[in-house]
Amino acid sequence: MAINLAMNEGLKTSETQLRALQDRGSDRDWEGFYGKYAGVILSFCRKQGLDEFSARDVLQESMILLMSKLPGFTYSASKGRFRNWLLTLVYGKVRDARRRLRRLAEQPWCEFAPSQEALPAGDVGDPQAEEVEAAWKLTLVEEALRRLKRNPRIKPETVAVFEACVLQNMTITAAAEKFGLEENNIYQIKNRLIRRLREEIDDLEQN
């Protein structure tokens, strides 16, 4: 499948700018780079089918990865290598985001019986029906996650813990260390938001 990360002439990255970033660039250097590419990366993510929250997660993850990988990048303006390299990096994060959402949709606590109206006519083993069911289930999970993130009663930090444990498959011990919480607190957050996500999915199924 052809992939295109559209960048016009104004988005070309100069060798001077890259050298500055590779040499532990200042906050101003990174802010300039972020301002130049953030909109492009978000637009690319949306065109790849990610929702706004997942797109912003990919943007953040891509920038963090870029900061660690850029020192080893060899610049070649004639070949446009930075553009291609950045595309590969961002697309890898897009695929990671998709895998996380699919893994979440496949969890036992996330199972549900889709309404018959949502499935095309055919036998139970109809590949098309199975494909539609899987896509429908993933869509409900994505919307349920958006609802959790928009809920003013749920702190962003709580959602971050949930995403680390469930979407990124981080261990309870690692999450406790990362967020500075007791392991029991991590368990409670994970189980509480799993229950809330289940409730949101049920609500979407009933509407």
N, C-alpha and C. Protein backbone atom coordinates (compact mmCIF):
# COMPACT_ATOMS: atom_id res chain seq x y z
N MET A 1 0.85 -1.20 0.00
CA MET A 1 0.00 0.00 0.00
C MET A 1 0.88 1.23 0.00
N ALA A 2 0.64 2.12 -0.94
CA ALA A 2 1.43 3.34 -1.02
C ALA A 2 1.07 4.27 0.12
N ILE A 3 2.09 4.89 0.72
CA ILE A 3 1.90 5.80 1.83
C ILE A 3 2.54 7.12 1.46
N ASN A 4 1.83 8.20 1.74
CA ASN A 4 2.35 9.51 1.38
C ASN A 4 2.23 10.46 2.55
N LEU A 5 3.38 10.94 3.04
CA LEU A 5 3.39 11.96 4.07
C LEU A 5 3.67 13.27 3.38
N ALA A 6 2.59 14.00 3.06
CA ALA A 6 2.70 15.20 2.24
C ALA A 6 3.48 16.29 2.96
N MET A 7 4.57 16.74 2.34
CA MET A 7 5.36 17.84 2.89
C MET A 7 5.70 18.77 1.73
N ASN A 8 5.30 20.01 1.85
CA ASN A 8 5.59 20.95 0.77
C ASN A 8 6.99 21.52 0.92
N GLU A 9 7.34 22.41 0.03
CA GLU A 9 8.69 22.96 0.03
C GLU A 9 9.01 23.66 1.34
N GLY A 10 8.00 24.27 1.96
CA GLY A 10 8.22 24.99 3.20
C GLY A 10 8.52 24.08 4.37
N LEU A 11 8.33 22.77 4.20
CA LEU A 11 8.57 21.85 5.29
C LEU A 11 9.90 21.13 5.16
N LYS A 12 10.71 21.52 4.20
CA LYS A 12 12.02 20.91 4.09
C LYS A 12 12.85 21.25 5.32
N THR A 13 13.56 20.24 5.82
CA THR A 13 14.37 20.45 7.01
C THR A 13 15.80 20.72 6.58
N SER A 14 16.33 21.86 7.00
CA SER A 14 17.67 22.24 6.59
C SER A 14 18.72 21.42 7.32
N GLU A 15 19.89 21.32 6.70
CA GLU A 15 20.98 20.59 7.34
C GLU A 15 21.40 21.28 8.63
N THR A 16 21.35 22.61 8.64
CA THR A 16 21.71 23.36 9.84
C THR A 16 20.78 23.03 11.00
N GLN A 17 19.49 22.97 10.69
CA GLN A 17 18.51 22.65 11.73
C GLN A 17 18.72 21.26 12.28
N LEU A 18 18.97 20.30 11.40
CA LEU A 18 19.18 18.92 11.84
C LEU A 18 20.45 18.80 12.68
N ARG A 19 21.51 19.49 12.25
CA ARG A 19 22.75 19.44 13.00
C ARG A 19 22.54 19.98 14.41
N ALA A 20 21.77 21.04 14.52
CA ALA A 20 21.50 21.64 15.83
C ALA A 20 20.75 20.66 16.72
N LEU A 21 19.77 19.98 16.14
CA LEU A 21 18.98 19.03 16.91
C LEU A 21 19.82 17.81 17.30
N GLN A 22 20.68 17.38 16.41
CA GLN A 22 21.53 16.22 16.70
C GLN A 22 22.53 16.53 17.81
N ASP A 23 22.90 17.80 17.89
CA ASP A 23 23.86 18.23 18.90
C ASP A 23 23.14 18.75 20.14
N ARG A 24 22.19 17.95 20.62
CA ARG A 24 21.43 18.31 21.82
C ARG A 24 20.83 19.71 21.67
N GLY A 25 19.97 19.85 20.69
CA GLY A 25 19.37 21.14 20.38
C GLY A 25 18.70 21.80 21.58
N SER A 26 18.60 23.10 21.52
CA SER A 26 17.97 23.86 22.60
C SER A 26 16.46 23.66 22.56
N ASP A 27 15.78 24.13 23.60
CA ASP A 27 14.32 24.04 23.63
C ASP A 27 13.72 24.77 22.43
N ARG A 28 14.35 25.89 22.06
CA ARG A 28 13.86 26.66 20.93
C ARG A 28 13.99 25.87 19.63
N ASP A 29 15.09 25.14 19.48
CA ASP A 29 15.29 24.31 18.27
C ASP A 29 14.19 23.26 18.17
N TRP A 30 13.90 22.59 19.29
CA TRP A 30 12.89 21.54 19.29
C TRP A 30 11.49 22.10 19.11
N GLU A 31 11.24 23.27 19.69
CA GLU A 31 9.93 23.90 19.51
C GLU A 31 9.70 24.25 18.04
N GLY A 32 10.76 24.72 17.38
CA GLY A 32 10.66 25.05 15.96
C GLY A 32 10.39 23.82 15.13
N PHE A 33 11.09 22.74 15.46
CA PHE A 33 10.89 21.49 14.73
C PHE A 33 9.49 20.95 14.96
N TYR A 34 9.05 20.98 16.21
CA TYR A 34 7.70 20.50 16.55
C TYR A 34 6.65 21.31 15.80
N GLY A 35 6.83 22.63 15.80
CA GLY A 35 5.86 23.49 15.12
C GLY A 35 5.81 23.22 13.62
N LYS A 36 6.91 22.81 13.06
CA LYS A 36 6.97 22.56 11.62
C LYS A 36 6.28 21.25 11.24
N TYR A 37 6.45 20.21 12.06
CA TYR A 37 5.99 18.88 11.67
C TYR A 37 4.76 18.36 12.41
N ALA A 38 4.38 18.96 13.52
CA ALA A 38 3.27 18.42 14.31
C ALA A 38 1.99 18.32 13.49
N GLY A 39 1.64 19.39 12.77
CA GLY A 39 0.42 19.39 11.97
C GLY A 39 0.46 18.35 10.87
N VAL A 40 1.63 18.17 10.27
CA VAL A 40 1.78 17.20 9.20
C VAL A 40 1.59 15.78 9.73
N ILE A 41 2.20 15.50 10.88
CA ILE A 41 2.09 14.16 11.46
C ILE A 41 0.66 13.87 11.87
N LEU A 42 -0.01 14.85 12.49
CA LEU A 42 -1.39 14.65 12.89
C LEU A 42 -2.29 14.40 11.69
N SER A 43 -2.08 15.17 10.63
CA SER A 43 -2.88 15.00 9.41
C SER A 43 -2.65 13.62 8.81
N PHE A 44 -1.40 13.18 8.80
CA PHE A 44 -1.07 11.85 8.28
C PHE A 44 -1.76 10.76 9.09
N CYS A 45 -1.74 10.91 10.41
CA CYS A 45 -2.37 9.91 11.29
C CYS A 45 -3.87 9.83 11.03
N ARG A 46 -4.51 10.98 10.87
CA ARG A 46 -5.96 10.98 10.60
C ARG A 46 -6.25 10.30 9.28
N LYS A 47 -5.41 10.54 8.27
CA LYS A 47 -5.63 9.91 6.97
C LYS A 47 -5.42 8.40 7.05
N GLN A 48 -4.65 7.96 8.04
CA GLN A 48 -4.45 6.53 8.25
C GLN A 48 -5.56 5.91 9.09
N GLY A 49 -6.57 6.73 9.45
CA GLY A 49 -7.73 6.20 10.14
C GLY A 49 -7.71 6.30 11.65
N LEU A 50 -6.70 6.97 12.22
CA LEU A 50 -6.65 7.12 13.67
C LEU A 50 -7.57 8.25 14.14
N ASP A 51 -8.15 8.08 15.33
CA ASP A 51 -8.94 9.15 15.91
C ASP A 51 -8.01 10.21 16.48
N GLU A 52 -8.57 11.33 16.94
CA GLU A 52 -7.77 12.46 17.39
C GLU A 52 -6.86 12.09 18.56
N PHE A 53 -7.39 11.35 19.52
CA PHE A 53 -6.59 10.98 20.68
C PHE A 53 -5.42 10.08 20.29
N SER A 54 -5.69 9.08 19.47
CA SER A 54 -4.63 8.17 19.03
C SER A 54 -3.61 8.91 18.18
N ALA A 55 -4.08 9.84 17.35
CA ALA A 55 -3.17 10.62 16.50
C ALA A 55 -2.20 11.44 17.36
N ARG A 56 -2.72 12.03 18.42
CA ARG A 56 -1.86 12.84 19.31
C ARG A 56 -0.91 11.96 20.10
N ASP A 57 -1.35 10.75 20.44
CA ASP A 57 -0.44 9.80 21.08
C ASP A 57 0.71 9.46 20.15
N VAL A 58 0.39 9.24 18.87
CA VAL A 58 1.43 8.92 17.89
C VAL A 58 2.39 10.09 17.74
N LEU A 59 1.86 11.31 17.72
CA LEU A 59 2.71 12.50 17.61
C LEU A 59 3.70 12.56 18.77
N GLN A 60 3.20 12.38 19.97
CA GLN A 60 4.05 12.43 21.15
C GLN A 60 5.09 11.32 21.14
N GLU A 61 4.66 10.10 20.82
CA GLU A 61 5.57 8.97 20.79
C GLU A 61 6.63 9.15 19.70
N SER A 62 6.22 9.69 18.57
CA SER A 62 7.16 9.90 17.46
C SER A 62 8.23 10.92 17.85
N MET A 63 7.82 11.99 18.52
CA MET A 63 8.78 13.01 18.92
C MET A 63 9.76 12.48 19.95
N ILE A 64 9.26 11.68 20.88
CA ILE A 64 10.14 11.09 21.89
C ILE A 64 11.14 10.15 21.24
N LEU A 65 10.65 9.31 20.31
CA LEU A 65 11.54 8.39 19.60
C LEU A 65 12.54 9.15 18.75
N LEU A 66 12.08 10.21 18.11
CA LEU A 66 12.95 11.02 17.26
C LEU A 66 14.11 11.59 18.06
N MET A 67 13.83 12.06 19.26
CA MET A 67 14.88 12.66 20.10
C MET A 67 15.97 11.64 20.43
N SER A 68 15.58 10.37 20.55
CA SER A 68 16.57 9.34 20.88
C SER A 68 17.29 8.81 19.64
N LYS A 69 16.61 8.85 18.48
CA LYS A 69 17.17 8.29 17.26
C LYS A 69 17.95 9.29 16.40
N LEU A 70 17.62 10.56 16.52
CA LEU A 70 18.18 11.57 15.61
C LEU A 70 19.70 11.64 15.65
N PRO A 71 20.34 11.49 16.81
CA PRO A 71 21.81 11.57 16.81
C PRO A 71 22.48 10.59 15.86
N GLY A 72 21.84 9.45 15.57
CA GLY A 72 22.44 8.46 14.68
C GLY A 72 22.01 8.61 13.24
N PHE A 73 21.22 9.66 12.92
CA PHE A 73 20.74 9.84 11.56
C PHE A 73 21.78 10.56 10.71
N THR A 74 22.00 10.06 9.49
CA THR A 74 22.93 10.70 8.56
C THR A 74 22.15 11.49 7.53
N TYR A 75 22.37 12.79 7.49
CA TYR A 75 21.59 13.67 6.62
C TYR A 75 22.12 13.66 5.18
N SER A 76 21.18 13.60 4.22
CA SER A 76 21.54 13.67 2.81
C SER A 76 20.43 14.42 2.09
N ALA A 77 20.59 15.73 1.92
CA ALA A 77 19.55 16.57 1.33
C ALA A 77 19.21 16.16 -0.09
N SER A 78 20.22 15.71 -0.85
CA SER A 78 19.99 15.36 -2.26
C SER A 78 19.03 14.19 -2.41
N LYS A 79 19.01 13.30 -1.44
CA LYS A 79 18.16 12.12 -1.51
C LYS A 79 16.86 12.30 -0.73
N GLY A 80 16.73 13.40 -0.04
CA GLY A 80 15.53 13.62 0.75
C GLY A 80 15.36 12.57 1.83
N ARG A 81 16.47 12.13 2.38
CA ARG A 81 16.42 10.98 3.27
C ARG A 81 15.71 11.27 4.58
N PHE A 82 15.79 12.51 5.06
CA PHE A 82 15.13 12.78 6.34
C PHE A 82 13.63 12.61 6.23
N ARG A 83 13.05 13.07 5.13
CA ARG A 83 11.61 12.93 4.93
C ARG A 83 11.20 11.45 4.97
N ASN A 84 11.95 10.62 4.24
CA ASN A 84 11.64 9.20 4.18
C ASN A 84 11.83 8.54 5.55
N TRP A 85 12.89 8.94 6.23
CA TRP A 85 13.18 8.38 7.54
C TRP A 85 12.10 8.76 8.54
N LEU A 86 11.67 10.01 8.52
CA LEU A 86 10.61 10.46 9.41
C LEU A 86 9.31 9.73 9.12
N LEU A 87 9.00 9.54 7.84
CA LEU A 87 7.79 8.81 7.46
C LEU A 87 7.81 7.39 8.03
N THR A 88 8.95 6.72 7.89
CA THR A 88 9.07 5.36 8.40
C THR A 88 8.85 5.32 9.91
N LEU A 89 9.43 6.28 10.60
CA LEU A 89 9.30 6.35 12.06
C LEU A 89 7.85 6.57 12.47
N VAL A 90 7.19 7.55 11.84
CA VAL A 90 5.81 7.87 12.19
C VAL A 90 4.87 6.72 11.83
N TYR A 91 5.06 6.13 10.67
CA TYR A 91 4.18 5.04 10.25
C TYR A 91 4.32 3.84 11.18
N GLY A 92 5.52 3.62 11.69
CA GLY A 92 5.72 2.55 12.66
C GLY A 92 4.89 2.78 13.91
N LYS A 93 4.82 4.04 14.35
CA LYS A 93 4.02 4.37 15.53
C LYS A 93 2.52 4.26 15.23
N VAL A 94 2.13 4.56 14.01
CA VAL A 94 0.72 4.39 13.62
C VAL A 94 0.34 2.91 13.72
N ARG A 95 1.20 2.05 13.23
CA ARG A 95 0.92 0.60 13.29
C ARG A 95 0.89 0.13 14.74
N ASP A 96 1.78 0.68 15.58
CA ASP A 96 1.76 0.33 17.00
C ASP A 96 0.42 0.70 17.62
N ALA A 97 -0.09 1.89 17.27
CA ALA A 97 -1.36 2.35 17.82
C ALA A 97 -2.49 1.43 17.39
N ARG A 98 -2.48 1.00 16.15
CA ARG A 98 -3.51 0.09 15.66
C ARG A 98 -3.45 -1.24 16.39
N ARG A 99 -2.23 -1.75 16.60
CA ARG A 99 -2.08 -3.03 17.28
C ARG A 99 -2.59 -2.93 18.72
N ARG A 100 -2.31 -1.81 19.38
CA ARG A 100 -2.77 -1.66 20.76
C ARG A 100 -4.29 -1.68 20.83
N LEU A 101 -4.93 -0.99 19.89
CA LEU A 101 -6.39 -0.96 19.89
C LEU A 101 -6.97 -2.33 19.57
N ARG A 102 -6.36 -3.04 18.63
CA ARG A 102 -6.85 -4.38 18.30
C ARG A 102 -6.67 -5.33 19.49
N ARG A 103 -5.52 -5.21 20.17
CA ARG A 103 -5.29 -6.07 21.33
C ARG A 103 -6.31 -5.78 22.41
N LEU A 104 -6.64 -4.52 22.58
CA LEU A 104 -7.64 -4.14 23.57
C LEU A 104 -9.00 -4.74 23.20
N ALA A 105 -9.34 -4.67 21.92
CA ALA A 105 -10.64 -5.19 21.47
C ALA A 105 -10.74 -6.70 21.61
N GLU A 106 -9.59 -7.38 21.67
CA GLU A 106 -9.59 -8.83 21.76
C GLU A 106 -9.56 -9.34 23.19
N GLN A 107 -9.51 -8.43 24.17
CA GLN A 107 -9.48 -8.86 25.57
C GLN A 107 -10.79 -9.55 25.94
N PRO A 108 -10.73 -10.60 26.78
CA PRO A 108 -11.95 -11.32 27.17
C PRO A 108 -13.00 -10.43 27.81
N TRP A 109 -12.55 -9.43 28.61
CA TRP A 109 -13.51 -8.57 29.28
C TRP A 109 -14.15 -7.57 28.33
N CYS A 110 -13.70 -7.58 27.08
CA CYS A 110 -14.22 -6.64 26.11
C CYS A 110 -15.14 -7.32 25.11
N GLU A 111 -15.44 -8.59 25.33
CA GLU A 111 -16.28 -9.33 24.40
C GLU A 111 -17.73 -8.94 24.54
N PHE A 112 -18.44 -8.97 23.45
CA PHE A 112 -19.88 -8.69 23.47
C PHE A 112 -20.51 -9.35 22.27
N ALA A 113 -21.81 -9.50 22.32
CA ALA A 113 -22.53 -10.11 21.20
C ALA A 113 -23.10 -8.99 20.33
N PRO A 114 -22.54 -8.73 19.16
CA PRO A 114 -23.04 -7.66 18.31
C PRO A 114 -24.46 -7.94 17.85
N SER A 115 -25.23 -6.88 17.72
CA SER A 115 -26.61 -7.05 17.28
C SER A 115 -26.63 -7.60 15.87
N GLN A 116 -27.62 -8.43 15.56
CA GLN A 116 -27.69 -9.06 14.25
C GLN A 116 -27.82 -8.05 13.13
N GLU A 117 -28.43 -6.90 13.43
CA GLU A 117 -28.60 -5.88 12.39
C GLU A 117 -27.26 -5.35 11.91
N ALA A 118 -26.22 -5.48 12.76
CA ALA A 118 -24.92 -4.93 12.40
C ALA A 118 -24.16 -5.84 11.44
N LEU A 119 -24.63 -7.09 11.29
CA LEU A 119 -23.90 -8.05 10.47
C LEU A 119 -24.58 -8.24 9.12
N PRO A 120 -23.80 -8.47 8.07
CA PRO A 120 -24.39 -8.72 6.76
C PRO A 120 -25.05 -10.08 6.71
N ALA A 121 -25.94 -10.27 5.77
CA ALA A 121 -26.61 -11.55 5.63
C ALA A 121 -25.59 -12.62 5.25
N GLY A 122 -25.79 -13.82 5.73
CA GLY A 122 -24.87 -14.90 5.40
C GLY A 122 -24.77 -15.89 6.52
N ASP A 123 -23.99 -16.94 6.31
CA ASP A 123 -23.81 -17.97 7.32
C ASP A 123 -22.96 -17.44 8.45
N VAL A 124 -22.97 -18.18 9.57
CA VAL A 124 -22.19 -17.78 10.74
C VAL A 124 -20.72 -17.70 10.40
N GLY A 125 -20.26 -18.59 9.53
CA GLY A 125 -18.85 -18.61 9.18
C GLY A 125 -18.48 -17.72 8.01
N ASP A 126 -19.35 -16.85 7.62
CA ASP A 126 -19.11 -15.95 6.48
C ASP A 126 -17.93 -15.04 6.79
N PRO A 127 -16.82 -15.11 6.00
CA PRO A 127 -15.65 -14.26 6.25
C PRO A 127 -16.00 -12.77 6.27
N GLN A 128 -16.92 -12.36 5.40
CA GLN A 128 -17.29 -10.96 5.36
C GLN A 128 -17.96 -10.55 6.67
N ALA A 129 -18.83 -11.43 7.19
CA ALA A 129 -19.50 -11.13 8.45
C ALA A 129 -18.49 -11.02 9.58
N GLU A 130 -17.50 -11.91 9.58
CA GLU A 130 -16.48 -11.89 10.63
C GLU A 130 -15.66 -10.60 10.54
N GLU A 131 -15.35 -10.18 9.33
CA GLU A 131 -14.57 -8.96 9.14
C GLU A 131 -15.34 -7.73 9.61
N VAL A 132 -16.62 -7.69 9.27
CA VAL A 132 -17.46 -6.57 9.68
C VAL A 132 -17.60 -6.55 11.19
N GLU A 133 -17.79 -7.72 11.78
CA GLU A 133 -17.93 -7.80 13.24
C GLU A 133 -16.67 -7.30 13.94
N ALA A 134 -15.51 -7.71 13.44
CA ALA A 134 -14.25 -7.27 14.05
C ALA A 134 -14.08 -5.76 13.93
N ALA A 135 -14.40 -5.22 12.76
CA ALA A 135 -14.28 -3.77 12.55
C ALA A 135 -15.25 -3.01 13.45
N TRP A 136 -16.46 -3.54 13.57
CA TRP A 136 -17.47 -2.91 14.42
C TRP A 136 -17.02 -2.90 15.88
N LYS A 137 -16.48 -4.02 16.32
CA LYS A 137 -16.03 -4.14 17.70
C LYS A 137 -14.90 -3.15 17.98
N LEU A 138 -13.95 -3.05 17.06
CA LEU A 138 -12.83 -2.12 17.23
C LEU A 138 -13.33 -0.69 17.27
N THR A 139 -14.32 -0.36 16.45
CA THR A 139 -14.87 0.99 16.43
C THR A 139 -15.52 1.33 17.77
N LEU A 140 -16.23 0.39 18.35
CA LEU A 140 -16.86 0.62 19.65
C LEU A 140 -15.82 0.83 20.74
N VAL A 141 -14.74 0.07 20.69
CA VAL A 141 -13.68 0.23 21.68
C VAL A 141 -13.05 1.61 21.56
N GLU A 142 -12.80 2.05 20.33
CA GLU A 142 -12.21 3.37 20.12
C GLU A 142 -13.12 4.47 20.66
N GLU A 143 -14.42 4.37 20.40
CA GLU A 143 -15.35 5.38 20.88
C GLU A 143 -15.46 5.33 22.40
N ALA A 144 -15.45 4.15 22.97
CA ALA A 144 -15.50 4.01 24.43
C ALA A 144 -14.28 4.66 25.07
N LEU A 145 -13.10 4.50 24.46
CA LEU A 145 -11.90 5.14 24.96
C LEU A 145 -12.00 6.66 24.88
N ARG A 146 -12.56 7.16 23.79
CA ARG A 146 -12.74 8.61 23.65
C ARG A 146 -13.65 9.14 24.76
N ARG A 147 -14.69 8.40 25.07
CA ARG A 147 -15.60 8.81 26.13
C ARG A 147 -14.89 8.89 27.47
N LEU A 148 -14.06 7.89 27.76
CA LEU A 148 -13.31 7.91 29.01
C LEU A 148 -12.41 9.12 29.09
N LYS A 149 -11.75 9.44 27.99
CA LYS A 149 -10.81 10.56 27.98
C LYS A 149 -11.52 11.90 28.09
N ARG A 150 -12.76 11.95 27.62
CA ARG A 150 -13.53 13.21 27.69
C ARG A 150 -14.25 13.37 29.02
N ASN A 151 -14.30 12.32 29.81
CA ASN A 151 -15.04 12.35 31.07
C ASN A 151 -14.31 13.25 32.07
N PRO A 152 -14.94 14.36 32.49
CA PRO A 152 -14.26 15.29 33.42
C PRO A 152 -14.01 14.69 34.80
N ARG A 153 -14.70 13.60 35.11
CA ARG A 153 -14.51 12.97 36.42
C ARG A 153 -13.32 12.03 36.45
N ILE A 154 -12.75 11.75 35.29
CA ILE A 154 -11.59 10.86 35.22
C ILE A 154 -10.35 11.70 34.91
N LYS A 155 -9.40 11.69 35.80
CA LYS A 155 -8.20 12.50 35.63
C LYS A 155 -7.34 11.97 34.46
N PRO A 156 -6.71 12.87 33.73
CA PRO A 156 -5.82 12.44 32.64
C PRO A 156 -4.74 11.48 33.13
N GLU A 157 -4.25 11.70 34.36
CA GLU A 157 -3.22 10.82 34.90
C GLU A 157 -3.75 9.39 35.07
N THR A 158 -5.03 9.29 35.45
CA THR A 158 -5.64 7.97 35.61
C THR A 158 -5.75 7.26 34.28
N VAL A 159 -6.15 8.01 33.25
CA VAL A 159 -6.24 7.43 31.91
C VAL A 159 -4.85 6.99 31.43
N ALA A 160 -3.83 7.80 31.76
CA ALA A 160 -2.47 7.46 31.35
C ALA A 160 -2.02 6.14 31.96
N VAL A 161 -2.37 5.91 33.22
CA VAL A 161 -2.04 4.65 33.87
C VAL A 161 -2.74 3.50 33.17
N PHE A 162 -4.02 3.69 32.86
CA PHE A 162 -4.80 2.66 32.18
C PHE A 162 -4.20 2.32 30.82
N GLU A 163 -3.87 3.34 30.05
CA GLU A 163 -3.30 3.12 28.72
C GLU A 163 -1.96 2.40 28.80
N ALA A 164 -1.15 2.76 29.82
CA ALA A 164 0.16 2.12 29.96
C ALA A 164 0.00 0.63 30.24
N CYS A 165 -0.94 0.29 31.12
CA CYS A 165 -1.11 -1.11 31.51
C CYS A 165 -1.85 -1.93 30.47
N VAL A 166 -2.87 -1.35 29.84
CA VAL A 166 -3.74 -2.11 28.95
C VAL A 166 -3.33 -1.98 27.48
N LEU A 167 -3.08 -0.76 27.03
CA LEU A 167 -2.75 -0.57 25.62
C LEU A 167 -1.28 -0.83 25.33
N GLN A 168 -0.41 -0.41 26.24
CA GLN A 168 1.03 -0.59 26.02
C GLN A 168 1.57 -1.85 26.69
N ASN A 169 0.69 -2.59 27.37
CA ASN A 169 1.06 -3.87 27.97
C ASN A 169 2.18 -3.75 28.99
N MET A 170 2.22 -2.63 29.71
CA MET A 170 3.23 -2.42 30.74
C MET A 170 2.86 -3.23 31.98
N THR A 171 3.85 -3.79 32.64
CA THR A 171 3.58 -4.57 33.85
C THR A 171 3.14 -3.64 34.97
N ILE A 172 2.46 -4.22 35.97
CA ILE A 172 2.00 -3.44 37.10
C ILE A 172 3.19 -2.82 37.84
N THR A 173 4.24 -3.60 37.99
CA THR A 173 5.44 -3.11 38.68
C THR A 173 6.07 -1.94 37.95
N ALA A 174 6.19 -2.06 36.61
CA ALA A 174 6.78 -0.99 35.81
C ALA A 174 5.92 0.26 35.85
N ALA A 175 4.59 0.08 35.80
CA ALA A 175 3.68 1.21 35.83
C ALA A 175 3.74 1.92 37.18
N ALA A 176 3.84 1.15 38.25
CA ALA A 176 3.93 1.74 39.58
C ALA A 176 5.18 2.60 39.71
N GLU A 177 6.28 2.10 39.14
CA GLU A 177 7.52 2.86 39.18
C GLU A 177 7.43 4.11 38.32
N LYS A 178 6.84 3.98 37.14
CA LYS A 178 6.75 5.12 36.22
C LYS A 178 5.90 6.24 36.79
N PHE A 179 4.76 5.89 37.38
CA PHE A 179 3.81 6.90 37.85
C PHE A 179 3.95 7.23 39.33
N GLY A 180 4.89 6.58 40.01
CA GLY A 180 5.11 6.87 41.41
C GLY A 180 3.95 6.48 42.31
N LEU A 181 3.31 5.34 42.00
CA LEU A 181 2.17 4.86 42.76
C LEU A 181 2.44 3.47 43.32
N GLU A 182 1.66 3.09 44.33
CA GLU A 182 1.74 1.74 44.85
C GLU A 182 1.14 0.77 43.83
N GLU A 183 1.64 -0.45 43.81
CA GLU A 183 1.12 -1.44 42.86
C GLU A 183 -0.37 -1.67 43.05
N ASN A 184 -0.82 -1.63 44.29
CA ASN A 184 -2.24 -1.82 44.56
C ASN A 184 -3.08 -0.72 43.91
N ASN A 185 -2.54 0.51 43.90
CA ASN A 185 -3.24 1.62 43.25
C ASN A 185 -3.34 1.40 41.75
N ILE A 186 -2.28 0.85 41.16
CA ILE A 186 -2.28 0.57 39.73
C ILE A 186 -3.33 -0.49 39.41
N TYR A 187 -3.40 -1.54 40.22
CA TYR A 187 -4.42 -2.57 40.04
C TYR A 187 -5.82 -1.97 40.09
N GLN A 188 -6.05 -1.11 41.08
CA GLN A 188 -7.36 -0.51 41.25
C GLN A 188 -7.75 0.36 40.05
N ILE A 189 -6.81 1.18 39.59
CA ILE A 189 -7.07 2.04 38.44
C ILE A 189 -7.38 1.20 37.21
N LYS A 190 -6.54 0.19 36.98
CA LYS A 190 -6.73 -0.68 35.80
C LYS A 190 -8.10 -1.34 35.84
N ASN A 191 -8.45 -1.95 36.97
CA ASN A 191 -9.72 -2.67 37.06
C ASN A 191 -10.91 -1.72 36.99
N ARG A 192 -10.79 -0.54 37.61
CA ARG A 192 -11.89 0.41 37.59
C ARG A 192 -12.16 0.92 36.18
N LEU A 193 -11.10 1.24 35.44
CA LEU A 193 -11.31 1.75 34.09
C LEU A 193 -11.70 0.65 33.10
N ILE A 194 -11.26 -0.56 33.35
CA ILE A 194 -11.74 -1.68 32.53
C ILE A 194 -13.25 -1.80 32.69
N ARG A 195 -13.71 -1.69 33.93
CA ARG A 195 -15.15 -1.76 34.19
C ARG A 195 -15.89 -0.60 33.53
N ARG A 196 -15.29 0.60 33.61
CA ARG A 196 -15.93 1.76 32.98
C ARG A 196 -15.96 1.63 31.45
N LEU A 197 -14.87 1.09 30.90
CA LEU A 197 -14.82 0.89 29.45
C LEU A 197 -15.88 -0.12 29.02
N ARG A 198 -16.02 -1.18 29.81
CA ARG A 198 -17.04 -2.19 29.53
C ARG A 198 -18.43 -1.57 29.54
N GLU A 199 -18.68 -0.68 30.51
CA GLU A 199 -19.97 0.00 30.62
C GLU A 199 -20.22 0.90 29.41
N GLU A 200 -19.17 1.58 28.96
CA GLU A 200 -19.32 2.46 27.80
C GLU A 200 -19.63 1.65 26.55
N ILE A 201 -18.97 0.51 26.39
CA ILE A 201 -19.24 -0.35 25.24
C ILE A 201 -20.67 -0.86 25.28
N ASP A 202 -21.12 -1.28 26.47
CA ASP A 202 -22.49 -1.76 26.61
C ASP A 202 -23.48 -0.65 26.23
N ASP A 203 -23.18 0.55 26.67
CA ASP A 203 -24.07 1.68 26.37
C ASP A 203 -24.13 1.95 24.89
N LEU A 204 -22.98 1.86 24.22
CA LEU A 204 -22.95 2.08 22.77
C LEU A 204 -23.73 1.00 22.04
N GLU A 205 -23.66 -0.23 22.54
CA GLU A 205 -24.39 -1.33 21.92
C GLU A 205 -25.90 -1.16 22.04
N GLN A 206 -26.33 -0.51 23.12
CA GLN A 206 -27.75 -0.37 23.37
C GLN A 206 -28.36 0.80 22.60
N ASN A 207 -27.52 1.72 22.14
CA ASN A 207 -28.03 2.90 21.43
C ASN A 207 -28.15 2.66 19.94
